[in-house]
């Protein structure tokens, strides 16, 4: 089960081998990747063009452009939902220890300096992967202790890029 919030409206998504349910109702749609970050979607005999504008995998938030309308999407998986149910949703993200590369890529720009205080949601760096720029943001509050990468440097998945106090 997943929960998705689209422009502050929440949807329950369940998927099994035969169908996708949206808020308990069958959701018949089809999509295909047309190029990096772009998709063609068919729903109710209508065609939609979708483009991923921004992807923040750490906080599971995305900005999508669908037929010239922009949507902010947040996703919660079963673990996030369980933490919410236990009242622990903020416990895991109140303080950040380090920022690891969510995927292999190229560091485009580092937006913080050693000693900077950051708040949850602050932009830390921009990582290019699969021809898309991904803005990586702080998942919690902290102070930059060390920056382990530089602009134009390639990184591997899970490589520590920034350490926090």
C-alpha atoms as a PDB file:
ATOM      1  CA  UNK A   1       0.000   0.000   0.000  1.00  0.00           C
ATOM      2  CA  UNK A   2       1.121   3.528  -0.768  1.00  0.00           C
ATOM      3  CA  UNK A   3      -0.222   6.928   0.092  1.00  0.00           C
ATOM      4  CA  UNK A   4       0.291   9.765  -2.340  1.00  0.00           C
ATOM      5  CA  UNK A   5      -0.457  13.416  -1.728  1.00  0.00           C
ATOM      6  CA  UNK A   6      -1.021  15.430  -4.886  1.00  0.00           C
ATOM      7  CA  UNK A   7      -1.250  19.193  -4.315  1.00  0.00           C
ATOM      8  CA  UNK A   8      -2.243  18.455  -0.679  1.00  0.00           C
ATOM      9  CA  UNK A   9      -4.987  15.903  -1.506  1.00  0.00           C
ATOM     10  CA  UNK A  10      -4.271  12.349  -0.256  1.00  0.00           C
ATOM     11  CA  UNK A  11      -4.865   9.126  -2.191  1.00  0.00           C
ATOM     12  CA  UNK A  12      -4.557   5.477  -1.079  1.00  0.00           C
ATOM     13  CA  UNK A  13      -2.958   3.278  -3.725  1.00  0.00           C
ATOM     14  CA  UNK A  14      -3.014  -0.512  -3.692  1.00  0.00           C
ATOM     15  CA  UNK A  15      -1.580  -2.689  -6.384  1.00  0.00           C
ATOM     16  CA  UNK A  16      -1.822  -6.418  -6.917  1.00  0.00           C
ATOM     17  CA  UNK A  17      -0.992  -8.710  -9.827  1.00  0.00           C
ATOM     18  CA  UNK A  18      -4.116  -7.817 -11.793  1.00  0.00           C
ATOM     19  CA  UNK A  19      -5.095  -4.240 -10.994  1.00  0.00           C
ATOM     20  CA  UNK A  20      -4.357  -0.929  -9.338  1.00  0.00           C
ATOM     21  CA  UNK A  21      -6.852   0.507  -6.840  1.00  0.00           C
ATOM     22  CA  UNK A  22      -7.073   4.227  -6.131  1.00  0.00           C
ATOM     23  CA  UNK A  23      -9.025   4.931  -2.920  1.00  0.00           C
ATOM     24  CA  UNK A  24     -10.488   1.417  -3.220  1.00  0.00           C
ATOM     25  CA  UNK A  25     -11.724   1.877  -6.807  1.00  0.00           C
ATOM     26  CA  UNK A  26     -10.173   0.251  -9.899  1.00  0.00           C
ATOM     27  CA  UNK A  27      -7.856   2.667 -11.682  1.00  0.00           C
ATOM     28  CA  UNK A  28      -7.327   1.598 -15.283  1.00  0.00           C
ATOM     29  CA  UNK A  29      -4.409   3.440 -16.787  1.00  0.00           C
ATOM     30  CA  UNK A  30      -1.422   2.711 -18.933  1.00  0.00           C
ATOM     31  CA  UNK A  31       1.853   4.562 -19.243  1.00  0.00           C
ATOM     32  CA  UNK A  32       5.043   4.307 -21.213  1.00  0.00           C
ATOM     33  CA  UNK A  33       8.375   6.063 -20.888  1.00  0.00           C
ATOM     34  CA  UNK A  34       8.982   8.157 -24.009  1.00  0.00           C
ATOM     35  CA  UNK A  35      12.396   9.548 -23.042  1.00  0.00           C
ATOM     36  CA  UNK A  36      14.365  10.320 -19.893  1.00  0.00           C
ATOM     37  CA  UNK A  37      11.967  11.933 -17.426  1.00  0.00           C
ATOM     38  CA  UNK A  38       9.013  11.964 -19.859  1.00  0.00           C
ATOM     39  CA  UNK A  39       6.034   9.625 -20.012  1.00  0.00           C
ATOM     40  CA  UNK A  40       2.911   9.098 -22.078  1.00  0.00           C
ATOM     41  CA  UNK A  41      -0.170   8.229 -20.003  1.00  0.00           C
ATOM     42  CA  UNK A  42      -3.502   6.827 -21.206  1.00  0.00           C
ATOM     43  CA  UNK A  43      -6.464   7.173 -18.837  1.00  0.00           C
ATOM     44  CA  UNK A  44     -10.203   7.112 -19.657  1.00  0.00           C
ATOM     45  CA  UNK A  45      -9.439   7.164 -23.392  1.00  0.00           C
ATOM     46  CA  UNK A  46      -7.432  10.368 -22.992  1.00  0.00           C
ATOM     47  CA  UNK A  47      -3.744  10.895 -23.579  1.00  0.00           C
ATOM     48  CA  UNK A  48      -1.542  12.842 -21.174  1.00  0.00           C
ATOM     49  CA  UNK A  49       2.088  13.925 -21.450  1.00  0.00           C
ATOM     50  CA  UNK A  50       3.975  13.830 -18.164  1.00  0.00           C
ATOM     51  CA  UNK A  51       7.404  15.209 -17.333  1.00  0.00           C
ATOM     52  CA  UNK A  52       9.350  14.820 -14.092  1.00  0.00           C
ATOM     53  CA  UNK A  53      10.463  18.372 -13.237  1.00  0.00           C
ATOM     54  CA  UNK A  54      12.037  17.657  -9.846  1.00  0.00           C
ATOM     55  CA  UNK A  55      12.689  14.445  -7.928  1.00  0.00           C
ATOM     56  CA  UNK A  56      13.797  14.295  -4.306  1.00  0.00           C
ATOM     57  CA  UNK A  57      14.180  10.600  -3.519  1.00  0.00           C
ATOM     58  CA  UNK A  58      15.248  11.165   0.088  1.00  0.00           C
ATOM     59  CA  UNK A  59      11.963  12.826   1.028  1.00  0.00           C
ATOM     60  CA  UNK A  60       9.971  10.958  -1.657  1.00  0.00           C
ATOM     61  CA  UNK A  61       8.664  14.177  -3.166  1.00  0.00           C
ATOM     62  CA  UNK A  62       8.326  15.038  -6.825  1.00  0.00           C
ATOM     63  CA  UNK A  63       7.184  17.854  -9.067  1.00  0.00           C
ATOM     64  CA  UNK A  64       5.423  16.678 -12.220  1.00  0.00           C
ATOM     65  CA  UNK A  65       4.179  18.588 -15.238  1.00  0.00           C
ATOM     66  CA  UNK A  66       1.153  16.891 -16.816  1.00  0.00           C
ATOM     67  CA  UNK A  67      -0.321  18.530 -19.920  1.00  0.00           C
ATOM     68  CA  UNK A  68       1.134  21.917 -18.850  1.00  0.00           C
ATOM     69  CA  UNK A  69      -0.241  21.697 -15.286  1.00  0.00           C
ATOM     70  CA  UNK A  70       2.267  21.356 -12.431  1.00  0.00           C
ATOM     71  CA  UNK A  71       1.625  18.946  -9.546  1.00  0.00           C
ATOM     72  CA  UNK A  72       3.560  18.459  -6.311  1.00  0.00           C
ATOM     73  CA  UNK A  73       3.501  14.798  -5.303  1.00  0.00           C
ATOM     74  CA  UNK A  74       4.612  13.216  -2.040  1.00  0.00           C
ATOM     75  CA  UNK A  75       4.677   9.450  -1.579  1.00  0.00           C
ATOM     76  CA  UNK A  76       4.624   7.333   1.584  1.00  0.00           C
ATOM     77  CA  UNK A  77       5.426   3.634   1.431  1.00  0.00           C
ATOM     78  CA  UNK A  78       4.264   1.008   3.939  1.00  0.00           C
ATOM     79  CA  UNK A  79       7.136   1.841   6.319  1.00  0.00           C
ATOM     80  CA  UNK A  80       6.311   5.566   6.344  1.00  0.00           C
ATOM     81  CA  UNK A  81       2.641   4.701   6.961  1.00  0.00           C
ATOM     82  CA  UNK A  82       3.607   2.398   9.840  1.00  0.00           C
ATOM     83  CA  UNK A  83       5.774   5.124  11.414  1.00  0.00           C
ATOM     84  CA  UNK A  84       2.827   7.542  11.108  1.00  0.00           C
ATOM     85  CA  UNK A  85       0.504   5.032  12.792  1.00  0.00           C
ATOM     86  CA  UNK A  86       2.990   4.573  15.629  1.00  0.00           C
ATOM     87  CA  UNK A  87       3.355   8.335  16.045  1.00  0.00           C
ATOM     88  CA  UNK A  88       7.004   8.186  15.057  1.00  0.00           C
ATOM     89  CA  UNK A  89       6.901   9.929  11.682  1.00  0.00           C
ATOM     90  CA  UNK A  90       9.019  12.857  12.829  1.00  0.00           C
ATOM     91  CA  UNK A  91      11.374  10.828  15.019  1.00  0.00           C
ATOM     92  CA  UNK A  92      13.437   9.489  12.139  1.00  0.00           C
ATOM     93  CA  UNK A  93      13.831  12.805  10.350  1.00  0.00           C
ATOM     94  CA  UNK A  94      14.322  15.381  13.099  1.00  0.00           C
ATOM     95  CA  UNK A  95      18.132  15.326  12.803  1.00  0.00           C
ATOM     96  CA  UNK A  96      20.174  14.435   9.762  1.00  0.00           C
ATOM     97  CA  UNK A  97      23.529  12.603  10.041  1.00  0.00           C
ATOM     98  CA  UNK A  98      24.749  12.516   6.466  1.00  0.00           C
ATOM     99  CA  UNK A  99      23.626  12.834   2.873  1.00  0.00           C
ATOM    100  CA  UNK A 100      24.270   9.810   0.682  1.00  0.00           C
ATOM    101  CA  UNK A 101      23.887   9.638  -3.073  1.00  0.00           C
ATOM    102  CA  UNK A 102      20.483   8.043  -3.812  1.00  0.00           C
ATOM    103  CA  UNK A 103      21.837   6.878  -7.198  1.00  0.00           C
ATOM    104  CA  UNK A 104      25.029   7.104  -9.233  1.00  0.00           C
ATOM    105  CA  UNK A 105      25.433  10.469 -10.904  1.00  0.00           C
ATOM    106  CA  UNK A 106      27.346  13.688 -11.409  1.00  0.00           C
ATOM    107  CA  UNK A 107      27.409  16.447  -8.781  1.00  0.00           C
ATOM    108  CA  UNK A 108      26.298  19.591 -10.628  1.00  0.00           C
ATOM    109  CA  UNK A 109      26.483  22.044  -7.722  1.00  0.00           C
ATOM    110  CA  UNK A 110      26.950  22.058  -3.948  1.00  0.00           C
ATOM    111  CA  UNK A 111      24.672  24.653  -2.331  1.00  0.00           C
ATOM    112  CA  UNK A 112      26.076  24.616   1.241  1.00  0.00           C
ATOM    113  CA  UNK A 113      29.388  25.290   2.953  1.00  0.00           C
ATOM    114  CA  UNK A 114      31.055  23.679   5.965  1.00  0.00           C
ATOM    115  CA  UNK A 115      29.577  25.253   9.097  1.00  0.00           C
ATOM    116  CA  UNK A 116      26.215  26.121   7.517  1.00  0.00           C
ATOM    117  CA  UNK A 117      23.116  25.386   9.595  1.00  0.00           C
ATOM    118  CA  UNK A 118      20.420  23.673   7.527  1.00  0.00           C
ATOM    119  CA  UNK A 119      16.748  23.095   8.157  1.00  0.00           C
ATOM    120  CA  UNK A 120      14.601  20.282   6.829  1.00  0.00           C
ATOM    121  CA  UNK A 121      13.835  20.986   3.175  1.00  0.00           C
ATOM    122  CA  UNK A 122      16.868  23.214   2.492  1.00  0.00           C
ATOM    123  CA  UNK A 123      18.629  22.494  -0.801  1.00  0.00           C
ATOM    124  CA  UNK A 124      21.998  20.813  -0.233  1.00  0.00           C
ATOM    125  CA  UNK A 125      23.212  19.900  -3.702  1.00  0.00           C
ATOM    126  CA  UNK A 126      22.152  19.111  -7.245  1.00  0.00           C
ATOM    127  CA  UNK A 127      22.877  15.660  -8.636  1.00  0.00           C
ATOM    128  CA  UNK A 128      22.501  14.818 -12.316  1.00  0.00           C
ATOM    129  CA  UNK A 129      21.467  11.237 -13.020  1.00  0.00           C
ATOM    130  CA  UNK A 130      20.051   9.788 -16.231  1.00  0.00           C
ATOM    131  CA  UNK A 131      20.100  13.279 -17.814  1.00  0.00           C
ATOM    132  CA  UNK A 132      17.852  14.682 -15.043  1.00  0.00           C
ATOM    133  CA  UNK A 133      18.867  17.185 -12.394  1.00  0.00           C
ATOM    134  CA  UNK A 134      17.783  16.096  -8.915  1.00  0.00           C
ATOM    135  CA  UNK A 135      17.677  18.647  -6.118  1.00  0.00           C
ATOM    136  CA  UNK A 136      18.726  16.882  -2.912  1.00  0.00           C
ATOM    137  CA  UNK A 137      17.324  18.511   0.212  1.00  0.00           C
ATOM    138  CA  UNK A 138      17.951  18.127   3.918  1.00  0.00           C
ATOM    139  CA  UNK A 139      15.723  15.488   5.498  1.00  0.00           C
ATOM    140  CA  UNK A 140      16.159  17.120   8.895  1.00  0.00           C
ATOM    141  CA  UNK A 141      17.909  19.899  10.784  1.00  0.00           C
ATOM    142  CA  UNK A 142      21.676  19.924  11.172  1.00  0.00           C
ATOM    143  CA  UNK A 143      24.983  21.701  10.742  1.00  0.00           C
ATOM    144  CA  UNK A 144      27.337  20.879   7.862  1.00  0.00           C
ATOM    145  CA  UNK A 145      30.421  19.150   9.287  1.00  0.00           C
ATOM    146  CA  UNK A 146      32.165  18.108   6.050  1.00  0.00           C
ATOM    147  CA  UNK A 147      31.571  18.173   2.320  1.00  0.00           C
ATOM    148  CA  UNK A 148      32.988  15.028   0.702  1.00  0.00           C
ATOM    149  CA  UNK A 149      32.294  15.912  -2.962  1.00  0.00           C
ATOM    150  CA  UNK A 150      32.841  18.784  -5.374  1.00  0.00           C
ATOM    151  CA  UNK A 151      31.009  20.068  -8.438  1.00  0.00           C
ATOM    152  CA  UNK A 152      31.609  17.983 -11.605  1.00  0.00           C
ATOM    153  CA  UNK A 153      32.533  14.923  -9.516  1.00  0.00           C
ATOM    154  CA  UNK A 154      30.977  11.515 -10.216  1.00  0.00           C
ATOM    155  CA  UNK A 155      29.457   9.678  -7.246  1.00  0.00           C
ATOM    156  CA  UNK A 156      28.297   6.119  -6.663  1.00  0.00           C
ATOM    157  CA  UNK A 157      25.024   5.057  -5.023  1.00  0.00           C
ATOM    158  CA  UNK A 158      25.162   5.386  -1.201  1.00  0.00           C
ATOM    159  CA  UNK A 159      28.417   7.376  -1.307  1.00  0.00           C
ATOM    160  CA  UNK A 160      28.496   9.900   1.557  1.00  0.00           C
ATOM    161  CA  UNK A 161      28.476  13.369   0.017  1.00  0.00           C
ATOM    162  CA  UNK A 162      27.856  15.618   3.037  1.00  0.00           C
ATOM    163  CA  UNK A 163      28.334  14.898   6.754  1.00  0.00           C
ATOM    164  CA  UNK A 164      26.472  16.727   9.522  1.00  0.00           C
ATOM    165  CA  UNK A 165      27.228  17.359  13.216  1.00  0.00           C
END
